[in-house]
Amino acid sequence: MLGALALQVLLLGTFLLVAPIADLLGQVLPSAGGLMVAVCAFPVVIVADTVQKRATIRRRFRHLVRPRA
C-alpha cells in the first residue's frame, strides 16, 4: 500500500513539475487556496473511510454478539 502511495505521489509530481509533460497534459500547479483545500481534505477522507469501515464491521458482526440479560 505504501509503495502504491509513493508511486502515485511521484507520478503526480512528475505530471505537475516536469514542464514538457505538464504542458502536454495541460497541467499547472494549483493555487495556494486549491493546495490548502487538497491538503485539508486528505485527513477528512481518511476519517470518513475509517468511520464507514467501522460501521460496516459493526453491522456485519452485530448478530454474533448476544445481549446480556
PDB file of N, CA and C in Angstrom:
ATOM      1  N   MET A   1       0.824  -1.189   0.000  1.00  0.00           N
ATOM      2  CA  MET A   1       0.000   0.000   0.000  1.00  0.00           C
ATOM      3  C   MET A   1       0.870   1.255   0.000  1.00  0.00           C
ATOM      4  N   LEU A   2       1.915   1.251   0.827  1.00  0.00           N
ATOM      5  CA  LEU A   2       2.778   2.431   0.874  1.00  0.00           C
ATOM      6  C   LEU A   2       3.534   2.609  -0.434  1.00  0.00           C
ATOM      7  N   GLY A   3       3.879   1.491  -1.077  1.00  0.00           N
ATOM      8  CA  GLY A   3       4.551   1.575  -2.372  1.00  0.00           C
ATOM      9  C   GLY A   3       3.653   2.219  -3.420  1.00  0.00           C
ATOM     10  N   ALA A   4       2.385   1.858  -3.412  1.00  0.00           N
ATOM     11  CA  ALA A   4       1.433   2.445  -4.356  1.00  0.00           C
ATOM     12  C   ALA A   4       1.254   3.932  -4.094  1.00  0.00           C
ATOM     13  N   LEU A   5       1.196   4.310  -2.827  1.00  0.00           N
ATOM     14  CA  LEU A   5       1.064   5.720  -2.472  1.00  0.00           C
ATOM     15  C   LEU A   5       2.293   6.507  -2.915  1.00  0.00           C
ATOM     16  N   ALA A   6       3.468   5.944  -2.683  1.00  0.00           N
ATOM     17  CA  ALA A   6       4.708   6.614  -3.093  1.00  0.00           C
ATOM     18  C   ALA A   6       4.761   6.779  -4.608  1.00  0.00           C
ATOM     19  N   LEU A   7       4.354   5.743  -5.338  1.00  0.00           N
ATOM     20  CA  LEU A   7       4.341   5.829  -6.798  1.00  0.00           C
ATOM     21  C   LEU A   7       3.359   6.894  -7.271  1.00  0.00           C
ATOM     22  N   GLN A   8       2.207   6.967  -6.648  1.00  0.00           N
ATOM     23  CA  GLN A   8       1.208   7.962  -7.023  1.00  0.00           C
ATOM     24  C   GLN A   8       1.720   9.380  -6.790  1.00  0.00           C
ATOM     25  N   VAL A   9       2.364   9.612  -5.665  1.00  0.00           N
ATOM     26  CA  VAL A   9       2.918  10.936  -5.373  1.00  0.00           C
ATOM     27  C   VAL A   9       4.026  11.272  -6.362  1.00  0.00           C
ATOM     28  N   LEU A  10       4.858  10.296  -6.689  1.00  0.00           N
ATOM     29  CA  LEU A  10       5.929  10.510  -7.667  1.00  0.00           C
ATOM     30  C   LEU A  10       5.358  10.874  -9.039  1.00  0.00           C
ATOM     31  N   LEU A  11       4.339  10.147  -9.473  1.00  0.00           N
ATOM     32  CA  LEU A  11       3.715  10.452 -10.764  1.00  0.00           C
ATOM     33  C   LEU A  11       3.050  11.823 -10.755  1.00  0.00           C
ATOM     34  N   LEU A  12       2.379  12.166  -9.671  1.00  0.00           N
ATOM     35  CA  LEU A  12       1.754  13.478  -9.562  1.00  0.00           C
ATOM     36  C   LEU A  12       2.795  14.576  -9.690  1.00  0.00           C
ATOM     37  N   GLY A  13       3.895  14.420  -8.965  1.00  0.00           N
ATOM     38  CA  GLY A  13       4.978  15.401  -9.059  1.00  0.00           C
ATOM     39  C   GLY A  13       5.530  15.501 -10.465  1.00  0.00           C
ATOM     40  N   THR A  14       5.688  14.363 -11.122  1.00  0.00           N
ATOM     41  CA  THR A  14       6.189  14.361 -12.497  1.00  0.00           C
ATOM     42  C   THR A  14       5.221  15.077 -13.424  1.00  0.00           C
ATOM     43  N   PHE A  15       3.941  14.781 -13.303  1.00  0.00           N
ATOM     44  CA  PHE A  15       2.939  15.395 -14.176  1.00  0.00           C
ATOM     45  C   PHE A  15       2.845  16.903 -13.975  1.00  0.00           C
ATOM     46  N   LEU A  16       3.101  17.373 -12.763  1.00  0.00           N
ATOM     47  CA  LEU A  16       2.978  18.804 -12.479  1.00  0.00           C
ATOM     48  C   LEU A  16       4.276  19.579 -12.659  1.00  0.00           C
ATOM     49  N   LEU A  17       5.407  18.965 -12.338  1.00  0.00           N
ATOM     50  CA  LEU A  17       6.652  19.722 -12.255  1.00  0.00           C
ATOM     51  C   LEU A  17       7.584  19.566 -13.454  1.00  0.00           C
ATOM     52  N   VAL A  18       7.442  18.516 -14.245  1.00  0.00           N
ATOM     53  CA  VAL A  18       8.269  18.362 -15.447  1.00  0.00           C
ATOM     54  C   VAL A  18       7.553  19.117 -16.563  1.00  0.00           C
ATOM     55  N   ALA A  19       8.134  20.251 -16.949  1.00  0.00           N
ATOM     56  CA  ALA A  19       7.459  21.202 -17.844  1.00  0.00           C
ATOM     57  C   ALA A  19       6.922  20.574 -19.131  1.00  0.00           C
ATOM     58  N   PRO A  20       7.709  19.790 -19.894  1.00  0.00           N
ATOM     59  CA  PRO A  20       7.153  19.238 -21.140  1.00  0.00           C
ATOM     60  C   PRO A  20       5.944  18.326 -20.911  1.00  0.00           C
ATOM     61  N   ILE A  21       5.981  17.545 -19.856  1.00  0.00           N
ATOM     62  CA  ILE A  21       4.851  16.651 -19.572  1.00  0.00           C
ATOM     63  C   ILE A  21       3.646  17.462 -19.099  1.00  0.00           C
ATOM     64  N   ALA A  22       3.889  18.437 -18.224  1.00  0.00           N
ATOM     65  CA  ALA A  22       2.794  19.283 -17.732  1.00  0.00           C
ATOM     66  C   ALA A  22       2.139  20.045 -18.880  1.00  0.00           C
ATOM     67  N   ASP A  23       2.954  20.570 -19.801  1.00  0.00           N
ATOM     68  CA  ASP A  23       2.400  21.291 -20.953  1.00  0.00           C
ATOM     69  C   ASP A  23       1.583  20.358 -21.839  1.00  0.00           C
ATOM     70  N   LEU A  24       2.089  19.160 -22.068  1.00  0.00           N
ATOM     71  CA  LEU A  24       1.385  18.188 -22.899  1.00  0.00           C
ATOM     72  C   LEU A  24       0.028  17.825 -22.297  1.00  0.00           C
ATOM     73  N   LEU A  25      -0.018  17.714 -20.978  1.00  0.00           N
ATOM     74  CA  LEU A  25      -1.259  17.346 -20.292  1.00  0.00           C
ATOM     75  C   LEU A  25      -2.133  18.542 -19.933  1.00  0.00           C
ATOM     76  N   GLY A  26      -1.621  19.758 -20.166  1.00  0.00           N
ATOM     77  CA  GLY A  26      -2.378  20.959 -19.824  1.00  0.00           C
ATOM     78  C   GLY A  26      -2.479  21.170 -18.325  1.00  0.00           C
ATOM     79  N   GLN A  27      -1.450  20.788 -17.585  1.00  0.00           N
ATOM     80  CA  GLN A  27      -1.460  20.876 -16.127  1.00  0.00           C
ATOM     81  C   GLN A  27      -0.671  22.086 -15.649  1.00  0.00           C
ATOM     82  N   VAL A  28      -1.096  22.645 -14.530  1.00  0.00           N
ATOM     83  CA  VAL A  28      -0.364  23.715 -13.850  1.00  0.00           C
ATOM     84  C   VAL A  28      -0.423  23.424 -12.355  1.00  0.00           C
ATOM     85  N   LEU A  29       0.484  24.040 -11.607  1.00  0.00           N
ATOM     86  CA  LEU A  29       0.443  23.895 -10.156  1.00  0.00           C
ATOM     87  C   LEU A  29      -0.838  24.536  -9.623  1.00  0.00           C
ATOM     88  N   PRO A  30      -1.445  23.942  -8.616  1.00  0.00           N
ATOM     89  CA  PRO A  30      -2.657  24.544  -8.054  1.00  0.00           C
ATOM     90  C   PRO A  30      -2.337  25.849  -7.335  1.00  0.00           C
ATOM     91  N   SER A  31      -3.346  26.688  -7.221  1.00  0.00           N
ATOM     92  CA  SER A  31      -3.179  27.928  -6.461  1.00  0.00           C
ATOM     93  C   SER A  31      -2.974  27.579  -4.988  1.00  0.00           C
ATOM     94  N   ALA A  32      -2.580  28.568  -4.206  1.00  0.00           N
ATOM     95  CA  ALA A  32      -2.364  28.330  -2.774  1.00  0.00           C
ATOM     96  C   ALA A  32      -3.659  27.865  -2.106  1.00  0.00           C
ATOM     97  N   GLY A  33      -4.783  28.474  -2.483  1.00  0.00           N
ATOM     98  CA  GLY A  33      -6.071  28.066  -1.918  1.00  0.00           C
ATOM     99  C   GLY A  33      -6.436  26.642  -2.300  1.00  0.00           C
ATOM    100  N   GLY A  34      -6.225  26.301  -3.558  1.00  0.00           N
ATOM    101  CA  GLY A  34      -6.516  24.943  -4.014  1.00  0.00           C
ATOM    102  C   GLY A  34      -5.638  23.913  -3.335  1.00  0.00           C
ATOM    103  N   LEU A  35      -4.377  24.263  -3.156  1.00  0.00           N
ATOM    104  CA  LEU A  35      -3.454  23.361  -2.472  1.00  0.00           C
ATOM    105  C   LEU A  35      -3.865  23.174  -1.011  1.00  0.00           C
ATOM    106  N   MET A  36      -4.307  24.249  -0.371  1.00  0.00           N
ATOM    107  CA  MET A  36      -4.733  24.169   1.025  1.00  0.00           C
ATOM    108  C   MET A  36      -5.984  23.289   1.161  1.00  0.00           C
ATOM    109  N   VAL A  37      -6.922  23.419   0.236  1.00  0.00           N
ATOM    110  CA  VAL A  37      -8.129  22.584   0.273  1.00  0.00           C
ATOM    111  C   VAL A  37      -7.755  21.117   0.104  1.00  0.00           C
ATOM    112  N   ALA A  38      -6.848  20.830  -0.821  1.00  0.00           N
ATOM    113  CA  ALA A  38      -6.433  19.447  -1.052  1.00  0.00           C
ATOM    114  C   ALA A  38      -5.745  18.865   0.177  1.00  0.00           C
ATOM    115  N   VAL A  39      -4.886  19.640   0.806  1.00  0.00           N
ATOM    116  CA  VAL A  39      -4.173  19.163   1.995  1.00  0.00           C
ATOM    117  C   VAL A  39      -5.149  18.949   3.150  1.00  0.00           C
ATOM    118  N   CYS A  40      -6.115  19.836   3.313  1.00  0.00           N
ATOM    119  CA  CYS A  40      -7.098  19.695   4.400  1.00  0.00           C
ATOM    120  C   CYS A  40      -8.079  18.559   4.127  1.00  0.00           C
ATOM    121  N   ALA A  41      -8.353  18.274   2.865  1.00  0.00           N
ATOM    122  CA  ALA A  41      -9.306  17.223   2.526  1.00  0.00           C
ATOM    123  C   ALA A  41      -8.749  15.836   2.817  1.00  0.00           C
ATOM    124  N   PHE A  42      -7.442  15.677   2.748  1.00  0.00           N
ATOM    125  CA  PHE A  42      -6.831  14.363   2.940  1.00  0.00           C
ATOM    126  C   PHE A  42      -7.215  13.728   4.275  1.00  0.00           C
ATOM    127  N   PRO A  43      -7.012  14.400   5.419  1.00  0.00           N
ATOM    128  CA  PRO A  43      -7.391  13.756   6.686  1.00  0.00           C
ATOM    129  C   PRO A  43      -8.901  13.541   6.810  1.00  0.00           C
ATOM    130  N   VAL A  44      -9.697  14.400   6.206  1.00  0.00           N
ATOM    131  CA  VAL A  44     -11.155  14.235   6.264  1.00  0.00           C
ATOM    132  C   VAL A  44     -11.562  12.951   5.545  1.00  0.00           C
ATOM    133  N   VAL A  45     -10.950  12.679   4.414  1.00  0.00           N
ATOM    134  CA  VAL A  45     -11.250  11.454   3.665  1.00  0.00           C
ATOM    135  C   VAL A  45     -10.836  10.227   4.473  1.00  0.00           C
ATOM    136  N   ILE A  46      -9.682  10.284   5.122  1.00  0.00           N
ATOM    137  CA  ILE A  46      -9.222   9.158   5.939  1.00  0.00           C
ATOM    138  C   ILE A  46     -10.189   8.905   7.097  1.00  0.00           C
ATOM    139  N   VAL A  47     -10.637   9.954   7.765  1.00  0.00           N
ATOM    140  CA  VAL A  47     -11.582   9.806   8.885  1.00  0.00           C
ATOM    141  C   VAL A  47     -12.911   9.243   8.391  1.00  0.00           C
ATOM    142  N   ALA A  48     -13.422   9.756   7.278  1.00  0.00           N
ATOM    143  CA  ALA A  48     -14.692   9.264   6.738  1.00  0.00           C
ATOM    144  C   ALA A  48     -14.581   7.789   6.363  1.00  0.00           C
ATOM    145  N   ASP A  49     -13.474   7.388   5.785  1.00  0.00           N
ATOM    146  CA  ASP A  49     -13.260   5.991   5.421  1.00  0.00           C
ATOM    147  C   ASP A  49     -13.226   5.106   6.666  1.00  0.00           C
ATOM    148  N   THR A  50     -12.545   5.561   7.700  1.00  0.00           N
ATOM    149  CA  THR A  50     -12.462   4.797   8.949  1.00  0.00           C
ATOM    150  C   THR A  50     -13.834   4.639   9.589  1.00  0.00           C
ATOM    151  N   VAL A  51     -14.609   5.710   9.631  1.00  0.00           N
ATOM    152  CA  VAL A  51     -15.958   5.656  10.212  1.00  0.00           C
ATOM    153  C   VAL A  51     -16.833   4.684   9.432  1.00  0.00           C
ATOM    154  N   GLN A  52     -16.765   4.733   8.115  1.00  0.00           N
ATOM    155  CA  GLN A  52     -17.571   3.846   7.280  1.00  0.00           C
ATOM    156  C   GLN A  52     -17.172   2.387   7.489  1.00  0.00           C
ATOM    157  N   LYS A  53     -15.879   2.118   7.570  1.00  0.00           N
ATOM    158  CA  LYS A  53     -15.426   0.739   7.767  1.00  0.00           C
ATOM    159  C   LYS A  53     -15.858   0.205   9.130  1.00  0.00           C
ATOM    160  N   ARG A  54     -15.760   1.017  10.160  1.00  0.00           N
ATOM    161  CA  ARG A  54     -16.193   0.576  11.495  1.00  0.00           C
ATOM    162  C   ARG A  54     -17.691   0.311  11.525  1.00  0.00           C
ATOM    163  N   ALA A  55     -18.469   1.156  10.863  1.00  0.00           N
ATOM    164  CA  ALA A  55     -19.923   0.946  10.814  1.00  0.00           C
ATOM    165  C   ALA A  55     -20.249  -0.345  10.076  1.00  0.00           C
ATOM    166  N   THR A  56     -19.536  -0.619   9.004  1.00  0.00           N
ATOM    167  CA  THR A  56     -19.764  -1.845   8.241  1.00  0.00           C
ATOM    168  C   THR A  56     -19.430  -3.071   9.080  1.00  0.00           C
ATOM    169  N   ILE A  57     -18.316  -3.019   9.794  1.00  0.00           N
ATOM    170  CA  ILE A  57     -17.925  -4.153  10.643  1.00  0.00           C
ATOM    171  C   ILE A  57     -18.960  -4.372  11.740  1.00  0.00           C
ATOM    172  N   ARG A  58     -19.425  -3.301  12.367  1.00  0.00           N
ATOM    173  CA  ARG A  58     -20.445  -3.438  13.426  1.00  0.00           C
ATOM    174  C   ARG A  58     -21.722  -4.070  12.874  1.00  0.00           C
ATOM    175  N   ARG A  59     -22.129  -3.625  11.680  1.00  0.00           N
ATOM    176  CA  ARG A  59     -23.342  -4.169  11.082  1.00  0.00           C
ATOM    177  C   ARG A  59     -23.190  -5.652  10.765  1.00  0.00           C
ATOM    178  N   ARG A  60     -22.035  -6.039  10.234  1.00  0.00           N
ATOM    179  CA  ARG A  60     -21.825  -7.435   9.852  1.00  0.00           C
ATOM    180  C   ARG A  60     -21.772  -8.365  11.053  1.00  0.00           C
ATOM    181  N   PHE A  61     -21.195  -7.896  12.153  1.00  0.00           N
ATOM    182  CA  PHE A  61     -20.984  -8.770  13.294  1.00  0.00           C
ATOM    183  C   PHE A  61     -21.961  -8.528  14.442  1.00  0.00           C
ATOM    184  N   ARG A  62     -22.962  -7.706  14.223  1.00  0.00           N
ATOM    185  CA  ARG A  62     -23.941  -7.411  15.266  1.00  0.00           C
ATOM    186  C   ARG A  62     -24.673  -8.673  15.714  1.00  0.00           C
ATOM    187  N   HIS A  63     -24.998  -9.542  14.772  1.00  0.00           N
ATOM    188  CA  HIS A  63     -25.753 -10.747  15.115  1.00  0.00           C
ATOM    189  C   HIS A  63     -24.913 -11.765  15.890  1.00  0.00           C
ATOM    190  N   LEU A  64     -23.593 -11.627  15.914  1.00  0.00           N
ATOM    191  CA  LEU A  64     -22.739 -12.567  16.632  1.00  0.00           C
ATOM    192  C   LEU A  64     -22.646 -12.257  18.123  1.00  0.00           C
ATOM    193  N   VAL A  65     -22.976 -11.045  18.499  1.00  0.00           N
ATOM    194  CA  VAL A  65     -22.890 -10.641  19.901  1.00  0.00           C
ATOM    195  C   VAL A  65     -24.261 -10.809  20.542  1.00  0.00           C
ATOM    196  N   ARG A  66     -24.311 -11.590  21.610  1.00  0.00           N
ATOM    197  CA  ARG A  66     -25.582 -11.804  22.305  1.00  0.00           C
ATOM    198  C   ARG A  66     -25.733 -10.766  23.403  1.00  0.00           C
ATOM    199  N   PRO A  67     -26.881 -10.139  23.481  1.00  0.00           N
ATOM    200  CA  PRO A  67     -27.099  -9.181  24.569  1.00  0.00           C
ATOM    201  C   PRO A  67     -27.138  -9.904  25.910  1.00  0.00           C
ATOM    202  N   ARG A  68     -26.575  -9.288  26.931  1.00  0.00           N
ATOM    203  CA  ARG A  68     -26.577  -9.885  28.273  1.00  0.00           C
ATOM    204  C   ARG A  68     -27.876  -9.554  28.991  1.00  0.00           C
ATOM    205  N   ALA A  69     -28.399 -10.537  29.671  1.00  0.00           N
ATOM    206  CA  ALA A  69     -29.671 -10.339  30.373  1.00  0.00           C
ATOM    207  C   ALA A  69     -29.472  -9.822  31.769  1.00  0.00           C
TER     208      ALA A  69
END
